[in-house]
PDB file of N, CA and C in Angstrom:
ATOM      1  N   LEU A   1      -0.250 -24.446 -25.512  1.00  0.00           N
ATOM      2  CA  LEU A   1       0.575 -23.252 -25.387  1.00  0.00           C
ATOM      3  C   LEU A   1       0.240 -22.527 -24.089  1.00  0.00           C
ATOM      4  N   PRO A   2       1.226 -21.992 -23.433  1.00  0.00           N
ATOM      5  CA  PRO A   2       0.992 -21.307 -22.164  1.00  0.00           C
ATOM      6  C   PRO A   2       0.321 -19.951 -22.365  1.00  0.00           C
ATOM      7  N   ARG A   3      -0.858 -19.815 -21.811  1.00  0.00           N
ATOM      8  CA  ARG A   3      -1.635 -18.583 -21.956  1.00  0.00           C
ATOM      9  C   ARG A   3      -0.914 -17.380 -21.344  1.00  0.00           C
ATOM     10  N   SER A   4      -0.238 -17.581 -20.216  1.00  0.00           N
ATOM     11  CA  SER A   4       0.426 -16.449 -19.556  1.00  0.00           C
ATOM     12  C   SER A   4       1.520 -15.862 -20.443  1.00  0.00           C
ATOM     13  N   ILE A   5       2.228 -16.703 -21.180  1.00  0.00           N
ATOM     14  CA  ILE A   5       3.270 -16.196 -22.079  1.00  0.00           C
ATOM     15  C   ILE A   5       2.627 -15.439 -23.236  1.00  0.00           C
ATOM     16  N   LEU A   6       1.559 -15.980 -23.803  1.00  0.00           N
ATOM     17  CA  LEU A   6       0.870 -15.275 -24.890  1.00  0.00           C
ATOM     18  C   LEU A   6       0.326 -13.930 -24.427  1.00  0.00           C
ATOM     19  N   GLU A   7      -0.199 -13.870 -23.203  1.00  0.00           N
ATOM     20  CA  GLU A   7      -0.713 -12.601 -22.677  1.00  0.00           C
ATOM     21  C   GLU A   7       0.427 -11.598 -22.471  1.00  0.00           C
ATOM     22  N   ALA A   8       1.561 -12.063 -21.981  1.00  0.00           N
ATOM     23  CA  ALA A   8       2.720 -11.167 -21.810  1.00  0.00           C
ATOM     24  C   ALA A   8       3.194 -10.664 -23.167  1.00  0.00           C
ATOM     25  N   MET A   9       3.222 -11.546 -24.150  1.00  0.00           N
ATOM     26  CA  MET A   9       3.644 -11.152 -25.494  1.00  0.00           C
ATOM     27  C   MET A   9       2.668 -10.131 -26.078  1.00  0.00           C
ATOM     28  N   ALA A  10       1.379 -10.346 -25.852  1.00  0.00           N
ATOM     29  CA  ALA A  10       0.361  -9.421 -26.361  1.00  0.00           C
ATOM     30  C   ALA A  10       0.494  -8.040 -25.720  1.00  0.00           C
ATOM     31  N   ALA A  11       1.074  -7.998 -24.521  1.00  0.00           N
ATOM     32  CA  ALA A  11       1.320  -6.719 -23.851  1.00  0.00           C
ATOM     33  C   ALA A  11       2.637  -6.099 -24.307  1.00  0.00           C
ATOM     34  N   GLY A  12       3.334  -6.776 -25.216  1.00  0.00           N
ATOM     35  CA  GLY A  12       4.596  -6.255 -25.743  1.00  0.00           C
ATOM     36  C   GLY A  12       5.769  -6.438 -24.805  1.00  0.00           C
ATOM     37  N   LEU A  13       5.726  -7.456 -23.985  1.00  0.00           N
ATOM     38  CA  LEU A  13       6.819  -7.696 -23.050  1.00  0.00           C
ATOM     39  C   LEU A  13       7.831  -8.676 -23.630  1.00  0.00           C
ATOM     40  N   PRO A  14       9.104  -8.490 -23.301  1.00  0.00           N
ATOM     41  CA  PRO A  14      10.069  -9.523 -23.663  1.00  0.00           C
ATOM     42  C   PRO A  14       9.810 -10.724 -22.755  1.00  0.00           C
ATOM     43  N   CYS A  15       9.997 -11.919 -23.250  1.00  0.00           N
ATOM     44  CA  CYS A  15       9.714 -13.116 -22.461  1.00  0.00           C
ATOM     45  C   CYS A  15      10.906 -14.047 -22.413  1.00  0.00           C
ATOM     46  N   ILE A  16      11.129 -14.587 -21.229  1.00  0.00           N
ATOM     47  CA  ILE A  16      12.148 -15.594 -20.989  1.00  0.00           C
ATOM     48  C   ILE A  16      11.422 -16.736 -20.309  1.00  0.00           C
ATOM     49  N   ALA A  17      11.679 -17.970 -20.752  1.00  0.00           N
ATOM     50  CA  ALA A  17      10.931 -19.085 -20.183  1.00  0.00           C
ATOM     51  C   ALA A  17      11.739 -20.373 -20.255  1.00  0.00           C
ATOM     52  N   SER A  18      11.231 -21.381 -19.579  1.00  0.00           N
ATOM     53  CA  SER A  18      11.848 -22.702 -19.607  1.00  0.00           C
ATOM     54  C   SER A  18      11.615 -23.358 -20.958  1.00  0.00           C
ATOM     55  N   ASN A  19      12.548 -24.183 -21.339  1.00  0.00           N
ATOM     56  CA  ASN A  19      12.498 -24.879 -22.618  1.00  0.00           C
ATOM     57  C   ASN A  19      11.682 -26.169 -22.466  1.00  0.00           C
ATOM     58  N   VAL A  20      10.367 -26.020 -22.315  1.00  0.00           N
ATOM     59  CA  VAL A  20       9.485 -27.174 -22.128  1.00  0.00           C
ATOM     60  C   VAL A  20       8.220 -27.025 -22.965  1.00  0.00           C
ATOM     61  N   ASP A  21       7.604 -28.170 -23.229  1.00  0.00           N
ATOM     62  CA  ASP A  21       6.309 -28.252 -23.893  1.00  0.00           C
ATOM     63  C   ASP A  21       6.223 -27.363 -25.125  1.00  0.00           C
ATOM     64  N   GLY A  22       5.186 -26.519 -25.220  1.00  0.00           N
ATOM     65  CA  GLY A  22       4.967 -25.705 -26.410  1.00  0.00           C
ATOM     66  C   GLY A  22       5.669 -24.363 -26.397  1.00  0.00           C
ATOM     67  N   ILE A  23       6.422 -24.078 -25.358  1.00  0.00           N
ATOM     68  CA  ILE A  23       7.067 -22.774 -25.230  1.00  0.00           C
ATOM     69  C   ILE A  23       8.057 -22.485 -26.366  1.00  0.00           C
ATOM     70  N   PRO A  24       8.861 -23.451 -26.811  1.00  0.00           N
ATOM     71  CA  PRO A  24       9.783 -23.150 -27.915  1.00  0.00           C
ATOM     72  C   PRO A  24       9.091 -22.715 -29.214  1.00  0.00           C
ATOM     73  N   GLU A  25       7.808 -22.992 -29.349  1.00  0.00           N
ATOM     74  CA  GLU A  25       7.064 -22.510 -30.518  1.00  0.00           C
ATOM     75  C   GLU A  25       6.892 -20.996 -30.487  1.00  0.00           C
ATOM     76  N   LEU A  26       6.983 -20.427 -29.292  1.00  0.00           N
ATOM     77  CA  LEU A  26       6.703 -19.003 -29.112  1.00  0.00           C
ATOM     78  C   LEU A  26       7.950 -18.145 -28.937  1.00  0.00           C
ATOM     79  N   ILE A  27       8.956 -18.679 -28.299  1.00  0.00           N
ATOM     80  CA  ILE A  27      10.087 -17.874 -27.844  1.00  0.00           C
ATOM     81  C   ILE A  27      11.370 -18.267 -28.573  1.00  0.00           C
ATOM     82  N   GLU A  28      12.158 -17.262 -28.925  1.00  0.00           N
ATOM     83  CA  GLU A  28      13.442 -17.499 -29.586  1.00  0.00           C
ATOM     84  C   GLU A  28      14.357 -18.339 -28.688  1.00  0.00           C
ATOM     85  N   LYS A  29      15.171 -19.155 -29.332  1.00  0.00           N
ATOM     86  CA  LYS A  29      16.029 -20.109 -28.620  1.00  0.00           C
ATOM     87  C   LYS A  29      16.900 -19.454 -27.537  1.00  0.00           C
ATOM     88  N   GLN A  30      17.452 -18.282 -27.820  1.00  0.00           N
ATOM     89  CA  GLN A  30      18.358 -17.658 -26.842  1.00  0.00           C
ATOM     90  C   GLN A  30      17.627 -17.162 -25.593  1.00  0.00           C
ATOM     91  N   TYR A  31      16.294 -17.207 -25.606  1.00  0.00           N
ATOM     92  CA  TYR A  31      15.515 -16.790 -24.437  1.00  0.00           C
ATOM     93  C   TYR A  31      14.811 -17.961 -23.765  1.00  0.00           C
ATOM     94  N   LEU A  32      15.252 -19.175 -24.108  1.00  0.00           N
ATOM     95  CA  LEU A  32      14.765 -20.385 -23.460  1.00  0.00           C
ATOM     96  C   LEU A  32      15.830 -20.872 -22.480  1.00  0.00           C
ATOM     97  N   ILE A  33      15.403 -21.222 -21.279  1.00  0.00           N
ATOM     98  CA  ILE A  33      16.315 -21.672 -20.235  1.00  0.00           C
ATOM     99  C   ILE A  33      16.190 -23.188 -20.111  1.00  0.00           C
ATOM    100  N   ASP A  34      17.304 -23.880 -20.268  1.00  0.00           N
ATOM    101  CA  ASP A  34      17.302 -25.339 -20.246  1.00  0.00           C
ATOM    102  C   ASP A  34      17.456 -25.948 -18.850  1.00  0.00           C
ATOM    103  N   ASP A  35      18.173 -25.265 -17.964  1.00  0.00           N
ATOM    104  CA  ASP A  35      18.516 -25.917 -16.692  1.00  0.00           C
ATOM    105  C   ASP A  35      17.655 -25.470 -15.499  1.00  0.00           C
ATOM    106  N   PHE A  36      16.710 -24.593 -15.716  1.00  0.00           N
ATOM    107  CA  PHE A  36      15.762 -24.157 -14.681  1.00  0.00           C
ATOM    108  C   PHE A  36      16.423 -23.432 -13.500  1.00  0.00           C
ATOM    109  N   SER A  37      17.676 -23.038 -13.617  1.00  0.00           N
ATOM    110  CA  SER A  37      18.336 -22.387 -12.483  1.00  0.00           C
ATOM    111  C   SER A  37      18.067 -20.887 -12.493  1.00  0.00           C
ATOM    112  N   PRO A  38      17.881 -20.318 -11.304  1.00  0.00           N
ATOM    113  CA  PRO A  38      17.685 -18.866 -11.206  1.00  0.00           C
ATOM    114  C   PRO A  38      18.838 -18.082 -11.824  1.00  0.00           C
ATOM    115  N   LYS A  39      20.065 -18.600 -11.695  1.00  0.00           N
ATOM    116  CA  LYS A  39      21.221 -17.902 -12.259  1.00  0.00           C
ATOM    117  C   LYS A  39      21.111 -17.812 -13.782  1.00  0.00           C
ATOM    118  N   SER A  40      20.652 -18.868 -14.423  1.00  0.00           N
ATOM    119  CA  SER A  40      20.495 -18.845 -15.882  1.00  0.00           C
ATOM    120  C   SER A  40      19.474 -17.790 -16.300  1.00  0.00           C
ATOM    121  N   TYR A  41      18.375 -17.694 -15.560  1.00  0.00           N
ATOM    122  CA  TYR A  41      17.388 -16.653 -15.846  1.00  0.00           C
ATOM    123  C   TYR A  41      17.998 -15.274 -15.644  1.00  0.00           C
ATOM    124  N   ALA A  42      18.734 -15.106 -14.548  1.00  0.00           N
ATOM    125  CA  ALA A  42      19.337 -13.812 -14.228  1.00  0.00           C
ATOM    126  C   ALA A  42      20.303 -13.359 -15.308  1.00  0.00           C
ATOM    127  N   VAL A  43      21.074 -14.271 -15.858  1.00  0.00           N
ATOM    128  CA  VAL A  43      22.035 -13.925 -16.914  1.00  0.00           C
ATOM    129  C   VAL A  43      21.303 -13.375 -18.133  1.00  0.00           C
ATOM    130  N   VAL A  44      20.228 -14.023 -18.530  1.00  0.00           N
ATOM    131  CA  VAL A  44      19.476 -13.583 -19.710  1.00  0.00           C
ATOM    132  C   VAL A  44      18.751 -12.267 -19.425  1.00  0.00           C
ATOM    133  N   ILE A  45      18.193 -12.134 -18.236  1.00  0.00           N
ATOM    134  CA  ILE A  45      17.521 -10.886 -17.862  1.00  0.00           C
ATOM    135  C   ILE A  45      18.515  -9.725 -17.878  1.00  0.00           C
ATOM    136  N   GLU A  46      19.685  -9.949 -17.304  1.00  0.00           N
ATOM    137  CA  GLU A  46      20.712  -8.899 -17.280  1.00  0.00           C
ATOM    138  C   GLU A  46      21.141  -8.522 -18.697  1.00  0.00           C
ATOM    139  N   ARG A  47      21.267  -9.518 -19.565  1.00  0.00           N
ATOM    140  CA  ARG A  47      21.646  -9.249 -20.955  1.00  0.00           C
ATOM    141  C   ARG A  47      20.607  -8.340 -21.621  1.00  0.00           C
ATOM    142  N   LEU A  48      19.340  -8.593 -21.376  1.00  0.00           N
ATOM    143  CA  LEU A  48      18.291  -7.744 -21.956  1.00  0.00           C
ATOM    144  C   LEU A  48      18.291  -6.335 -21.343  1.00  0.00           C
ATOM    145  N   ILE A  49      18.453  -6.271 -20.044  1.00  0.00           N
ATOM    146  CA  ILE A  49      18.470  -4.960 -19.374  1.00  0.00           C
ATOM    147  C   ILE A  49      19.591  -4.087 -19.930  1.00  0.00           C
ATOM    148  N   ASN A  50      20.705  -4.710 -20.257  1.00  0.00           N
ATOM    149  CA  ASN A  50      21.863  -3.968 -20.759  1.00  0.00           C
ATOM    150  C   ASN A  50      21.842  -3.732 -22.267  1.00  0.00           C
ATOM    151  N   ASN A  51      20.803  -4.200 -22.937  1.00  0.00           N
ATOM    152  CA  ASN A  51      20.708  -4.022 -24.381  1.00  0.00           C
ATOM    153  C   ASN A  51      19.271  -3.636 -24.747  1.00  0.00           C
ATOM    154  N   TRP A  52      18.982  -2.337 -24.613  1.00  0.00           N
ATOM    155  CA  TRP A  52      17.621  -1.850 -24.848  1.00  0.00           C
ATOM    156  C   TRP A  52      17.169  -2.066 -26.283  1.00  0.00           C
ATOM    157  N   THR A  53      18.089  -1.985 -27.220  1.00  0.00           N
ATOM    158  CA  THR A  53      17.737  -2.217 -28.621  1.00  0.00           C
ATOM    159  C   THR A  53      17.191  -3.636 -28.800  1.00  0.00           C
ATOM    160  N   GLU A  54      17.860  -4.588 -28.190  1.00  0.00           N
ATOM    161  CA  GLU A  54      17.404  -5.983 -28.273  1.00  0.00           C
ATOM    162  C   GLU A  54      16.081  -6.171 -27.538  1.00  0.00           C
ATOM    163  N   MET A  55      15.943  -5.510 -26.390  1.00  0.00           N
ATOM    164  CA  MET A  55      14.702  -5.636 -25.629  1.00  0.00           C
ATOM    165  C   MET A  55      13.519  -5.096 -26.436  1.00  0.00           C
ATOM    166  N   ILE A  56      13.709  -3.993 -27.093  1.00  0.00           N
ATOM    167  CA  ILE A  56      12.635  -3.410 -27.914  1.00  0.00           C
ATOM    168  C   ILE A  56      12.344  -4.306 -29.115  1.00  0.00           C
ATOM    169  N   ARG A  57      13.397  -4.827 -29.745  1.00  0.00           N
ATOM    170  CA  ARG A  57      13.196  -5.737 -30.882  1.00  0.00           C
ATOM    171  C   ARG A  57      12.387  -6.964 -30.447  1.00  0.00           C
ATOM    172  N   LEU A  58      12.778  -7.541 -29.321  1.00  0.00           N
ATOM    173  CA  LEU A  58      12.097  -8.731 -28.819  1.00  0.00           C
ATOM    174  C   LEU A  58      10.653  -8.417 -28.421  1.00  0.00           C
ATOM    175  N   SER A  59      10.440  -7.288 -27.792  1.00  0.00           N
ATOM    176  CA  SER A  59       9.081  -6.884 -27.415  1.00  0.00           C
ATOM    177  C   SER A  59       8.190  -6.740 -28.635  1.00  0.00           C
ATOM    178  N   ASN A  60       8.690  -6.085 -29.669  1.00  0.00           N
ATOM    179  CA  ASN A  60       7.911  -5.914 -30.901  1.00  0.00           C
ATOM    180  C   ASN A  60       7.627  -7.261 -31.569  1.00  0.00           C
ATOM    181  N   LYS A  61       8.635  -8.114 -31.609  1.00  0.00           N
ATOM    182  CA  LYS A  61       8.451  -9.438 -32.215  1.00  0.00           C
ATOM    183  C   LYS A  61       7.411 -10.239 -31.436  1.00  0.00           C
ATOM    184  N   ASN A  62       7.513 -10.216 -30.118  1.00  0.00           N
ATOM    185  CA  ASN A  62       6.550 -10.941 -29.288  1.00  0.00           C
ATOM    186  C   ASN A  62       5.128 -10.446 -29.514  1.00  0.00           C
ATOM    187  N   TYR A  63       4.967  -9.144 -29.605  1.00  0.00           N
ATOM    188  CA  TYR A  63       3.636  -8.575 -29.848  1.00  0.00           C
ATOM    189  C   TYR A  63       3.070  -9.100 -31.169  1.00  0.00           C
ATOM    190  N   ASN A  64       3.894  -9.096 -32.198  1.00  0.00           N
ATOM    191  CA  ASN A  64       3.429  -9.561 -33.512  1.00  0.00           C
ATOM    192  C   ASN A  64       3.122 -11.058 -33.513  1.00  0.00           C
ATOM    193  N   ILE A  65       3.886 -11.839 -32.780  1.00  0.00           N
ATOM    194  CA  ILE A  65       3.576 -13.267 -32.652  1.00  0.00           C
ATOM    195  C   ILE A  65       2.240 -13.449 -31.949  1.00  0.00           C
ATOM    196  N   ALA A  66       2.020 -12.686 -30.887  1.00  0.00           N
ATOM    197  CA  ALA A  66       0.768 -12.807 -30.135  1.00  0.00           C
ATOM    198  C   ALA A  66      -0.442 -12.485 -31.010  1.00  0.00           C
ATOM    199  N   LEU A  67      -0.283 -11.571 -31.946  1.00  0.00           N
ATOM    200  CA  LEU A  67      -1.401 -11.232 -32.833  1.00  0.00           C
ATOM    201  C   LEU A  67      -1.880 -12.426 -33.639  1.00  0.00           C
ATOM    202  N   THR A  68      -0.985 -13.359 -33.921  1.00  0.00           N
ATOM    203  CA  THR A  68      -1.377 -14.534 -34.706  1.00  0.00           C
ATOM    204  C   THR A  68      -2.240 -15.496 -33.896  1.00  0.00           C
ATOM    205  N   TYR A  69      -2.346 -15.265 -32.591  1.00  0.00           N
ATOM    206  CA  TYR A  69      -3.148 -16.116 -31.718  1.00  0.00           C
ATOM    207  C   TYR A  69      -4.452 -15.449 -31.285  1.00  0.00           C
ATOM    208  N   GLU A  70      -4.860 -14.410 -32.000  1.00  0.00           N
ATOM    209  CA  GLU A  70      -6.136 -13.770 -31.683  1.00  0.00           C
ATOM    210  C   GLU A  70      -7.267 -14.776 -31.853  1.00  0.00           C
ATOM    211  N   LYS A  71      -8.291 -14.623 -31.039  1.00  0.00           N
ATOM    212  CA  LYS A  71      -9.414 -15.559 -31.056  1.00  0.00           C
ATOM    213  C   LYS A  71     -10.023 -15.697 -32.442  1.00  0.00           C
ATOM    214  N   SER A  72     -10.218 -14.597 -33.137  1.00  0.00           N
ATOM    215  CA  SER A  72     -10.858 -14.670 -34.454  1.00  0.00           C
ATOM    216  C   SER A  72     -10.020 -15.497 -35.428  1.00  0.00           C
ATOM    217  N   LYS A  73      -8.704 -15.382 -35.348  1.00  0.00           N
ATOM    218  CA  LYS A  73      -7.829 -16.160 -36.233  1.00  0.00           C
ATOM    219  C   LYS A  73      -7.820 -17.629 -35.834  1.00  0.00           C
ATOM    220  N   LEU A  74      -7.806 -17.884 -34.537  1.00  0.00           N
ATOM    221  CA  LEU A  74      -7.827 -19.267 -34.076  1.00  0.00           C
ATOM    222  C   LEU A  74      -9.157 -19.943 -34.389  1.00  0.00           C
ATOM    223  N   ASP A  75     -10.254 -19.187 -34.284  1.00  0.00           N
ATOM    224  CA  ASP A  75     -11.568 -19.753 -34.607  1.00  0.00           C
ATOM    225  C   ASP A  75     -11.614 -20.236 -36.051  1.00  0.00           C
ATOM    226  N   LYS A  76     -11.047 -19.463 -36.959  1.00  0.00           N
ATOM    227  CA  LYS A  76     -11.017 -19.865 -38.371  1.00  0.00           C
ATOM    228  C   LYS A  76     -10.193 -21.136 -38.553  1.00  0.00           C
ATOM    229  N   LYS A  77      -9.040 -21.198 -37.885  1.00  0.00           N
ATOM    230  CA  LYS A  77      -8.189 -22.386 -37.983  1.00  0.00           C
ATOM    231  C   LYS A  77      -8.900 -23.615 -37.413  1.00  0.00           C
ATOM    232  N   ARG A  78      -9.589 -23.435 -36.282  1.00  0.00           N
ATOM    233  CA  ARG A  78     -10.331 -24.548 -35.682  1.00  0.00           C
ATOM    234  C   ARG A  78     -11.429 -25.035 -36.623  1.00  0.00           C
ATOM    235  N   GLU A  79     -12.150 -24.099 -37.205  1.00  0.00           N
ATOM    236  CA  GLU A  79     -13.233 -24.452 -38.118  1.00  0.00           C
ATOM    237  C   GLU A  79     -12.696 -25.264 -39.300  1.00  0.00           C
ATOM    238  N   LEU A  80     -11.589 -24.828 -39.888  1.00  0.00           N
ATOM    239  CA  LEU A  80     -10.984 -25.566 -40.995  1.00  0.00           C
ATOM    240  C   LEU A  80     -10.511 -26.948 -40.556  1.00  0.00           C
ATOM    241  N   PHE A  81      -9.943 -27.023 -39.391  1.00  0.00           N
ATOM    242  CA  PHE A  81      -9.475 -28.301 -38.861  1.00  0.00           C
ATOM    243  C   PHE A  81     -10.641 -29.269 -38.675  1.00  0.00           C
ATOM    244  N   TYR A  82     -11.706 -28.806 -38.020  1.00  0.00           N
ATOM    245  CA  TYR A  82     -12.855 -29.683 -37.784  1.00  0.00           C
ATOM    246  C   TYR A  82     -13.552 -30.061 -39.086  1.00  0.00           C
ATOM    247  N   GLN A  83     -13.564 -29.168 -40.027  1.00  0.00           N
ATOM    248  CA  GLN A  83     -14.158 -29.475 -41.330  1.00  0.00           C
ATOM    249  C   GLN A  83     -13.354 -30.574 -42.026  1.00  0.00           C
ATOM    250  N   SER A  84     -12.036 -30.496 -41.955  1.00  0.00           N
ATOM    251  CA  SER A  84     -11.212 -31.533 -42.583  1.00  0.00           C
ATOM    252  C   SER A  84     -11.397 -32.873 -41.884  1.00  0.00           C
ATOM    253  N   LEU A  85     -11.564 -32.874 -40.563  1.00  0.00           N
ATOM    254  CA  LEU A  85     -11.847 -34.122 -39.850  1.00  0.00           C
ATOM    255  C   LEU A  85     -13.182 -34.715 -40.283  1.00  0.00           C
ATOM    256  N   LYS A  86     -14.156 -33.852 -40.416  1.00  0.00           N
ATOM    257  CA  LYS A  86     -15.491 -34.297 -40.821  1.00  0.00           C
ATOM    258  C   LYS A  86     -15.424 -34.927 -42.219  1.00  0.00           C
ATOM    259  N   GLU A  87     -14.690 -34.296 -43.110  1.00  0.00           N
ATOM    260  CA  GLU A  87     -14.557 -34.818 -44.472  1.00  0.00           C
ATOM    261  C   GLU A  87     -13.830 -36.161 -44.487  1.00  0.00           C
ATOM    262  N   LEU A  88     -12.829 -36.324 -43.647  1.00  0.00           N
ATOM    263  CA  LEU A  88     -12.098 -37.586 -43.559  1.00  0.00           C
ATOM    264  C   LEU A  88     -12.988 -38.711 -43.009  1.00  0.00           C
ATOM    265  N   ALA A  89     -13.903 -38.361 -42.139  1.00  0.00           N
ATOM    266  CA  ALA A  89     -14.788 -39.355 -41.523  1.00  0.00           C
ATOM    267  C   ALA A  89     -15.856 -39.852 -42.467  1.00  0.00           C
ATOM    268  N   GLN A  90     -16.110 -39.154 -43.532  1.00  0.00           N
ATOM    269  CA  GLN A  90     -17.175 -39.531 -44.460  1.00  0.00           C
ATOM    270  C   GLN A  90     -16.726 -40.571 -45.434  1.00  0.00           C
TER     271      GLN A  90
END
């Protein structure tokens, strides 16, 4: 997962990104850009600028998603994962 996107989300920012790798796990489909063109990004940015209600909704949602990636929560998930691997190896 891209750390820069998670950090932006944790700051409560709306995020627009390319539709590659692990990014679709984080960002709503309508904010993923498929063709990598600056014009496509500009269209989505303009749509958000002109709709403050949506921008605030997206910012709040992003913040809450970022909370699920806190180190303490990830550490617990990693520990459970490694424990299950250890049990499978026995």
